[in-house]
Amino acid sequence: MNIPAEKELLIRMIRDTDDPQILASIRNLFSENRVDWWAALNDDLKNEILAGMDEVNRGEFVDYEDIMSKHRK
């Protein structure tokens, strides 16, 4: 990828658009106030994710290949 050429293309696209939604989306990409996805989750979801991670760490999971080998014929 040619970074300078890509930047120039993006600059031209931004300059040529009058769509406020596109401009707002671009501004949000560069915003320093971006929301951390983990912080946006409710406590129930966080607890489920953490419980799942604990199960994996304890080895309480079934390997993908094991499941697939039983169903492939």
PDB file of N, CA and C in Angstrom:
ATOM      1  N   MET A   1       0.845  -1.182   0.000  1.00  0.00           N
ATOM      2  CA  MET A   1       0.000   0.000   0.000  1.00  0.00           C
ATOM      3  C   MET A   1       0.887   1.241   0.000  1.00  0.00           C
ATOM      4  N   ASN A   2       0.545   2.175  -0.819  1.00  0.00           N
ATOM      5  CA  ASN A   2       1.255   3.440  -0.906  1.00  0.00           C
ATOM      6  C   ASN A   2       0.546   4.429   0.028  1.00  0.00           C
ATOM      7  N   ILE A   3       1.100   4.634   1.215  1.00  0.00           N
ATOM      8  CA  ILE A   3       0.462   5.464   2.240  1.00  0.00           C
ATOM      9  C   ILE A   3       0.211   6.896   1.771  1.00  0.00           C
ATOM     10  N   PRO A   4       1.203   7.574   1.188  1.00  0.00           N
ATOM     11  CA  PRO A   4       0.935   8.959   0.736  1.00  0.00           C
ATOM     12  C   PRO A   4      -0.193   9.040  -0.292  1.00  0.00           C
ATOM     13  N   ALA A   5      -0.243   8.099  -1.211  1.00  0.00           N
ATOM     14  CA  ALA A   5      -1.305   8.110  -2.217  1.00  0.00           C
ATOM     15  C   ALA A   5      -2.665   7.834  -1.570  1.00  0.00           C
ATOM     16  N   GLU A   6      -2.699   6.925  -0.598  1.00  0.00           N
ATOM     17  CA  GLU A   6      -3.936   6.618   0.109  1.00  0.00           C
ATOM     18  C   GLU A   6      -4.437   7.842   0.873  1.00  0.00           C
ATOM     19  N   LYS A   7      -3.516   8.554   1.521  1.00  0.00           N
ATOM     20  CA  LYS A   7      -3.891   9.775   2.244  1.00  0.00           C
ATOM     21  C   LYS A   7      -4.455  10.819   1.290  1.00  0.00           C
ATOM     22  N   GLU A   8      -3.815  10.985   0.169  1.00  0.00           N
ATOM     23  CA  GLU A   8      -4.279  11.969  -0.815  1.00  0.00           C
ATOM     24  C   GLU A   8      -5.671  11.626  -1.319  1.00  0.00           C
ATOM     25  N   LEU A   9      -5.922  10.352  -1.571  1.00  0.00           N
ATOM     26  CA  LEU A   9      -7.245   9.916  -2.010  1.00  0.00           C
ATOM     27  C   LEU A   9      -8.298  10.218  -0.942  1.00  0.00           C
ATOM     28  N   LEU A  10      -7.977   9.913   0.311  1.00  0.00           N
ATOM     29  CA  LEU A  10      -8.915  10.185   1.401  1.00  0.00           C
ATOM     30  C   LEU A  10      -9.177  11.680   1.558  1.00  0.00           C
ATOM     31  N   ILE A  11      -8.144  12.473   1.438  1.00  0.00           N
ATOM     32  CA  ILE A  11      -8.307  13.932   1.529  1.00  0.00           C
ATOM     33  C   ILE A  11      -9.242  14.426   0.431  1.00  0.00           C
ATOM     34  N   ARG A  12      -9.047  13.925  -0.791  1.00  0.00           N
ATOM     35  CA  ARG A  12      -9.920  14.321  -1.895  1.00  0.00           C
ATOM     36  C   ARG A  12     -11.365  13.905  -1.631  1.00  0.00           C
ATOM     37  N   MET A  13     -11.550  12.694  -1.115  1.00  0.00           N
ATOM     38  CA  MET A  13     -12.905  12.205  -0.841  1.00  0.00           C
ATOM     39  C   MET A  13     -13.585  13.056   0.236  1.00  0.00           C
ATOM     40  N   ILE A  14     -12.836  13.414   1.268  1.00  0.00           N
ATOM     41  CA  ILE A  14     -13.388  14.262   2.335  1.00  0.00           C
ATOM     42  C   ILE A  14     -13.732  15.638   1.785  1.00  0.00           C
ATOM     43  N   ARG A  15     -12.821  16.193   0.998  1.00  0.00           N
ATOM     44  CA  ARG A  15     -13.043  17.526   0.439  1.00  0.00           C
ATOM     45  C   ARG A  15     -14.272  17.552  -0.475  1.00  0.00           C
ATOM     46  N   ASP A  16     -14.539  16.447  -1.193  1.00  0.00           N
ATOM     47  CA  ASP A  16     -15.629  16.410  -2.169  1.00  0.00           C
ATOM     48  C   ASP A  16     -16.996  16.078  -1.567  1.00  0.00           C
ATOM     49  N   THR A  17     -17.037  15.613  -0.319  1.00  0.00           N
ATOM     50  CA  THR A  17     -18.329  15.233   0.251  1.00  0.00           C
ATOM     51  C   THR A  17     -18.977  16.383   1.008  1.00  0.00           C
ATOM     52  N   ASP A  18     -20.300  16.409   0.928  1.00  0.00           N
ATOM     53  CA  ASP A  18     -21.090  17.353   1.712  1.00  0.00           C
ATOM     54  C   ASP A  18     -21.993  16.596   2.690  1.00  0.00           C
ATOM     55  N   ASP A  19     -21.752  15.311   2.826  1.00  0.00           N
ATOM     56  CA  ASP A  19     -22.577  14.469   3.685  1.00  0.00           C
ATOM     57  C   ASP A  19     -22.141  14.627   5.137  1.00  0.00           C
ATOM     58  N   PRO A  20     -22.970  15.239   5.984  1.00  0.00           N
ATOM     59  CA  PRO A  20     -22.578  15.468   7.370  1.00  0.00           C
ATOM     60  C   PRO A  20     -22.362  14.173   8.158  1.00  0.00           C
ATOM     61  N   GLN A  21     -23.073  13.108   7.782  1.00  0.00           N
ATOM     62  CA  GLN A  21     -22.895  11.837   8.488  1.00  0.00           C
ATOM     63  C   GLN A  21     -21.513  11.240   8.222  1.00  0.00           C
ATOM     64  N   ILE A  22     -21.064  11.338   7.001  1.00  0.00           N
ATOM     65  CA  ILE A  22     -19.721  10.837   6.666  1.00  0.00           C
ATOM     66  C   ILE A  22     -18.672  11.643   7.415  1.00  0.00           C
ATOM     67  N   LEU A  23     -18.821  12.961   7.407  1.00  0.00           N
ATOM     68  CA  LEU A  23     -17.849  13.810   8.092  1.00  0.00           C
ATOM     69  C   LEU A  23     -17.845  13.546   9.598  1.00  0.00           C
ATOM     70  N   ALA A  24     -19.028  13.343  10.181  1.00  0.00           N
ATOM     71  CA  ALA A  24     -19.114  13.046  11.611  1.00  0.00           C
ATOM     72  C   ALA A  24     -18.466  11.703  11.920  1.00  0.00           C
ATOM     73  N   SER A  25     -18.652  10.728  11.044  1.00  0.00           N
ATOM     74  CA  SER A  25     -18.033   9.410  11.247  1.00  0.00           C
ATOM     75  C   SER A  25     -16.514   9.507  11.215  1.00  0.00           C
ATOM     76  N   ILE A  26     -16.002  10.281  10.294  1.00  0.00           N
ATOM     77  CA  ILE A  26     -14.550  10.466  10.202  1.00  0.00           C
ATOM     78  C   ILE A  26     -14.039  11.175  11.447  1.00  0.00           C
ATOM     79  N   ARG A  27     -14.749  12.198  11.878  1.00  0.00           N
ATOM     80  CA  ARG A  27     -14.343  12.911  13.098  1.00  0.00           C
ATOM     81  C   ARG A  27     -14.318  11.954  14.286  1.00  0.00           C
ATOM     82  N   ASN A  28     -15.318  11.076  14.391  1.00  0.00           N
ATOM     83  CA  ASN A  28     -15.367  10.114  15.490  1.00  0.00           C
ATOM     84  C   ASN A  28     -14.201   9.141  15.460  1.00  0.00           C
ATOM     85  N   LEU A  29     -13.743   8.790  14.268  1.00  0.00           N
ATOM     86  CA  LEU A  29     -12.593   7.894  14.162  1.00  0.00           C
ATOM     87  C   LEU A  29     -11.354   8.495  14.815  1.00  0.00           C
ATOM     88  N   PHE A  30     -11.235   9.794  14.724  1.00  0.00           N
ATOM     89  CA  PHE A  30     -10.054  10.470  15.256  1.00  0.00           C
ATOM     90  C   PHE A  30     -10.279  11.089  16.638  1.00  0.00           C
ATOM     91  N   SER A  31     -11.466  10.917  17.148  1.00  0.00           N
ATOM     92  CA  SER A  31     -11.804  11.515  18.432  1.00  0.00           C
ATOM     93  C   SER A  31     -11.024  10.859  19.569  1.00  0.00           C
ATOM     94  N   GLU A  32     -10.576  11.668  20.495  1.00  0.00           N
ATOM     95  CA  GLU A  32      -9.879  11.148  21.663  1.00  0.00           C
ATOM     96  C   GLU A  32     -10.856  10.635  22.708  1.00  0.00           C
ATOM     97  N   ASN A  33     -12.125  10.885  22.524  1.00  0.00           N
ATOM     98  CA  ASN A  33     -13.141  10.497  23.500  1.00  0.00           C
ATOM     99  C   ASN A  33     -13.861   9.220  23.078  1.00  0.00           C
ATOM    100  N   ARG A  34     -13.154   8.336  22.405  1.00  0.00           N
ATOM    101  CA  ARG A  34     -13.780   7.101  21.964  1.00  0.00           C
ATOM    102  C   ARG A  34     -14.116   6.231  23.169  1.00  0.00           C
ATOM    103  N   VAL A  35     -15.243   5.560  23.085  1.00  0.00           N
ATOM    104  CA  VAL A  35     -15.720   4.730  24.188  1.00  0.00           C
ATOM    105  C   VAL A  35     -15.033   3.372  24.139  1.00  0.00           C
ATOM    106  N   ASP A  36     -14.545   2.944  25.281  1.00  0.00           N
ATOM    107  CA  ASP A  36     -13.965   1.618  25.411  1.00  0.00           C
ATOM    108  C   ASP A  36     -15.103   0.601  25.347  1.00  0.00           C
ATOM    109  N   TRP A  37     -15.014  -0.373  24.450  1.00  0.00           N
ATOM    110  CA  TRP A  37     -16.115  -1.311  24.264  1.00  0.00           C
ATOM    111  C   TRP A  37     -16.396  -2.093  25.546  1.00  0.00           C
ATOM    112  N   TRP A  38     -15.364  -2.396  26.333  1.00  0.00           N
ATOM    113  CA  TRP A  38     -15.575  -3.137  27.574  1.00  0.00           C
ATOM    114  C   TRP A  38     -16.412  -2.301  28.553  1.00  0.00           C
ATOM    115  N   ALA A  39     -16.120  -1.032  28.647  1.00  0.00           N
ATOM    116  CA  ALA A  39     -16.849  -0.146  29.553  1.00  0.00           C
ATOM    117  C   ALA A  39     -18.306   0.001  29.125  1.00  0.00           C
ATOM    118  N   ALA A  40     -18.582  -0.199  27.845  1.00  0.00           N
ATOM    119  CA  ALA A  40     -19.945  -0.055  27.341  1.00  0.00           C
ATOM    120  C   ALA A  40     -20.813  -1.276  27.637  1.00  0.00           C
ATOM    121  N   LEU A  41     -20.203  -2.397  28.034  1.00  0.00           N
ATOM    122  CA  LEU A  41     -20.974  -3.611  28.327  1.00  0.00           C
ATOM    123  C   LEU A  41     -21.608  -3.530  29.704  1.00  0.00           C
ATOM    124  N   ASN A  42     -22.771  -4.179  29.839  1.00  0.00           N
ATOM    125  CA  ASN A  42     -23.381  -4.226  31.168  1.00  0.00           C
ATOM    126  C   ASN A  42     -22.685  -5.306  32.003  1.00  0.00           C
ATOM    127  N   ASP A  43     -22.922  -5.290  33.304  1.00  0.00           N
ATOM    128  CA  ASP A  43     -22.222  -6.192  34.217  1.00  0.00           C
ATOM    129  C   ASP A  43     -22.512  -7.661  33.935  1.00  0.00           C
ATOM    130  N   ASP A  44     -23.733  -7.997  33.514  1.00  0.00           N
ATOM    131  CA  ASP A  44     -24.057  -9.392  33.205  1.00  0.00           C
ATOM    132  C   ASP A  44     -23.197  -9.918  32.061  1.00  0.00           C
ATOM    133  N   LEU A  45     -23.061  -9.121  30.999  1.00  0.00           N
ATOM    134  CA  LEU A  45     -22.236  -9.537  29.868  1.00  0.00           C
ATOM    135  C   LEU A  45     -20.768  -9.665  30.260  1.00  0.00           C
ATOM    136  N   LYS A  46     -20.284  -8.710  31.029  1.00  0.00           N
ATOM    137  CA  LYS A  46     -18.897  -8.779  31.492  1.00  0.00           C
ATOM    138  C   LYS A  46     -18.661 -10.052  32.298  1.00  0.00           C
ATOM    139  N   ASN A  47     -19.589 -10.368  33.196  1.00  0.00           N
ATOM    140  CA  ASN A  47     -19.440 -11.565  34.022  1.00  0.00           C
ATOM    141  C   ASN A  47     -19.467 -12.843  33.191  1.00  0.00           C
ATOM    142  N   GLU A  48     -20.319 -12.891  32.165  1.00  0.00           N
ATOM    143  CA  GLU A  48     -20.356 -14.058  31.294  1.00  0.00           C
ATOM    144  C   GLU A  48     -19.052 -14.224  30.524  1.00  0.00           C
ATOM    145  N   ILE A  49     -18.523 -13.137  30.021  1.00  0.00           N
ATOM    146  CA  ILE A  49     -17.252 -13.190  29.290  1.00  0.00           C
ATOM    147  C   ILE A  49     -16.129 -13.644  30.214  1.00  0.00           C
ATOM    148  N   LEU A  50     -16.067 -13.073  31.392  1.00  0.00           N
ATOM    149  CA  LEU A  50     -15.018 -13.458  32.348  1.00  0.00           C
ATOM    150  C   LEU A  50     -15.151 -14.915  32.774  1.00  0.00           C
ATOM    151  N   ALA A  51     -16.392 -15.394  32.957  1.00  0.00           N
ATOM    152  CA  ALA A  51     -16.605 -16.796  33.313  1.00  0.00           C
ATOM    153  C   ALA A  51     -16.132 -17.705  32.186  1.00  0.00           C
ATOM    154  N   GLY A  52     -16.415 -17.328  30.951  1.00  0.00           N
ATOM    155  CA  GLY A  52     -15.959 -18.101  29.797  1.00  0.00           C
ATOM    156  C   GLY A  52     -14.446 -18.144  29.709  1.00  0.00           C
ATOM    157  N   MET A  53     -13.811 -17.025  29.983  1.00  0.00           N
ATOM    158  CA  MET A  53     -12.345 -16.985  29.962  1.00  0.00           C
ATOM    159  C   MET A  53     -11.768 -17.875  31.064  1.00  0.00           C
ATOM    160  N   ASP A  54     -12.413 -17.882  32.232  1.00  0.00           N
ATOM    161  CA  ASP A  54     -11.966 -18.755  33.320  1.00  0.00           C
ATOM    162  C   ASP A  54     -12.086 -20.221  32.921  1.00  0.00           C
ATOM    163  N   GLU A  55     -13.180 -20.590  32.266  1.00  0.00           N
ATOM    164  CA  GLU A  55     -13.365 -21.971  31.809  1.00  0.00           C
ATOM    165  C   GLU A  55     -12.257 -22.379  30.849  1.00  0.00           C
ATOM    166  N   VAL A  56     -11.940 -21.510  29.916  1.00  0.00           N
ATOM    167  CA  VAL A  56     -10.872 -21.802  28.956  1.00  0.00           C
ATOM    168  C   VAL A  56      -9.538 -21.956  29.689  1.00  0.00           C
ATOM    169  N   ASN A  57      -9.264 -21.078  30.627  1.00  0.00           N
ATOM    170  CA  ASN A  57      -8.008 -21.160  31.383  1.00  0.00           C
ATOM    171  C   ASN A  57      -7.905 -22.447  32.193  1.00  0.00           C
ATOM    172  N   ARG A  58      -9.046 -23.007  32.626  1.00  0.00           N
ATOM    173  CA  ARG A  58      -9.049 -24.260  33.372  1.00  0.00           C
ATOM    174  C   ARG A  58      -9.059 -25.468  32.441  1.00  0.00           C
ATOM    175  N   GLY A  59      -9.107 -25.223  31.136  1.00  0.00           N
ATOM    176  CA  GLY A  59      -9.127 -26.316  30.172  1.00  0.00           C
ATOM    177  C   GLY A  59     -10.496 -26.903  29.943  1.00  0.00           C
ATOM    178  N   GLU A  60     -11.525 -26.208  30.365  1.00  0.00           N
ATOM    179  CA  GLU A  60     -12.899 -26.693  30.232  1.00  0.00           C
ATOM    180  C   GLU A  60     -13.505 -26.218  28.918  1.00  0.00           C
ATOM    181  N   PHE A  61     -13.029 -26.802  27.836  1.00  0.00           N
ATOM    182  CA  PHE A  61     -13.554 -26.468  26.526  1.00  0.00           C
ATOM    183  C   PHE A  61     -13.344 -27.651  25.604  1.00  0.00           C
ATOM    184  N   VAL A  62     -14.039 -27.634  24.481  1.00  0.00           N
ATOM    185  CA  VAL A  62     -13.888 -28.677  23.476  1.00  0.00           C
ATOM    186  C   VAL A  62     -13.208 -28.050  22.271  1.00  0.00           C
ATOM    187  N   ASP A  63     -12.169 -28.687  21.814  1.00  0.00           N
ATOM    188  CA  ASP A  63     -11.405 -28.185  20.678  1.00  0.00           C
ATOM    189  C   ASP A  63     -12.254 -28.214  19.398  1.00  0.00           C
ATOM    190  N   TYR A  64     -12.154 -27.195  18.625  1.00  0.00           N
ATOM    191  CA  TYR A  64     -12.906 -27.070  17.372  1.00  0.00           C
ATOM    192  C   TYR A  64     -12.698 -28.282  16.474  1.00  0.00           C
ATOM    193  N   GLU A  65     -11.461 -28.712  16.310  1.00  0.00           N
ATOM    194  CA  GLU A  65     -11.162 -29.848  15.426  1.00  0.00           C
ATOM    195  C   GLU A  65     -11.805 -31.128  15.929  1.00  0.00           C
ATOM    196  N   ASP A  66     -11.885 -31.319  17.247  1.00  0.00           N
ATOM    197  CA  ASP A  66     -12.539 -32.506  17.799  1.00  0.00           C
ATOM    198  C   ASP A  66     -14.018 -32.540  17.424  1.00  0.00           C
ATOM    199  N   ILE A  67     -14.668 -31.409  17.547  1.00  0.00           N
ATOM    200  CA  ILE A  67     -16.088 -31.337  17.186  1.00  0.00           C
ATOM    201  C   ILE A  67     -16.263 -31.575  15.703  1.00  0.00           C
ATOM    202  N   MET A  68     -15.461 -30.922  14.890  1.00  0.00           N
ATOM    203  CA  MET A  68     -15.606 -31.030  13.441  1.00  0.00           C
ATOM    204  C   MET A  68     -15.307 -32.451  12.954  1.00  0.00           C
ATOM    205  N   SER A  69     -14.334 -33.130  13.559  1.00  0.00           N
ATOM    206  CA  SER A  69     -13.980 -34.483  13.125  1.00  0.00           C
ATOM    207  C   SER A  69     -15.145 -35.449  13.354  1.00  0.00           C
ATOM    208  N   LYS A  70     -15.948 -35.206  14.376  1.00  0.00           N
ATOM    209  CA  LYS A  70     -17.094 -36.065  14.651  1.00  0.00           C
ATOM    210  C   LYS A  70     -18.226 -35.853  13.645  1.00  0.00           C
ATOM    211  N   HIS A  71     -18.277 -34.674  13.043  1.00  0.00           N
ATOM    212  CA  HIS A  71     -19.385 -34.343  12.151  1.00  0.00           C
ATOM    213  C   HIS A  71     -19.000 -34.385  10.672  1.00  0.00           C
ATOM    214  N   ARG A  72     -17.747 -34.561  10.371  1.00  0.00           N
ATOM    215  CA  ARG A  72     -17.306 -34.686   8.971  1.00  0.00           C
ATOM    216  C   ARG A  72     -17.383 -36.147   8.572  1.00  0.00           C
ATOM    217  N   LYS A  73     -17.851 -36.402   7.439  1.00  0.00           N
ATOM    218  CA  LYS A  73     -17.887 -37.785   6.938  1.00  0.00           C
ATOM    219  C   LYS A  73     -17.726 -37.789   5.464  1.00  0.00           C
TER     220      LYS A  73
END
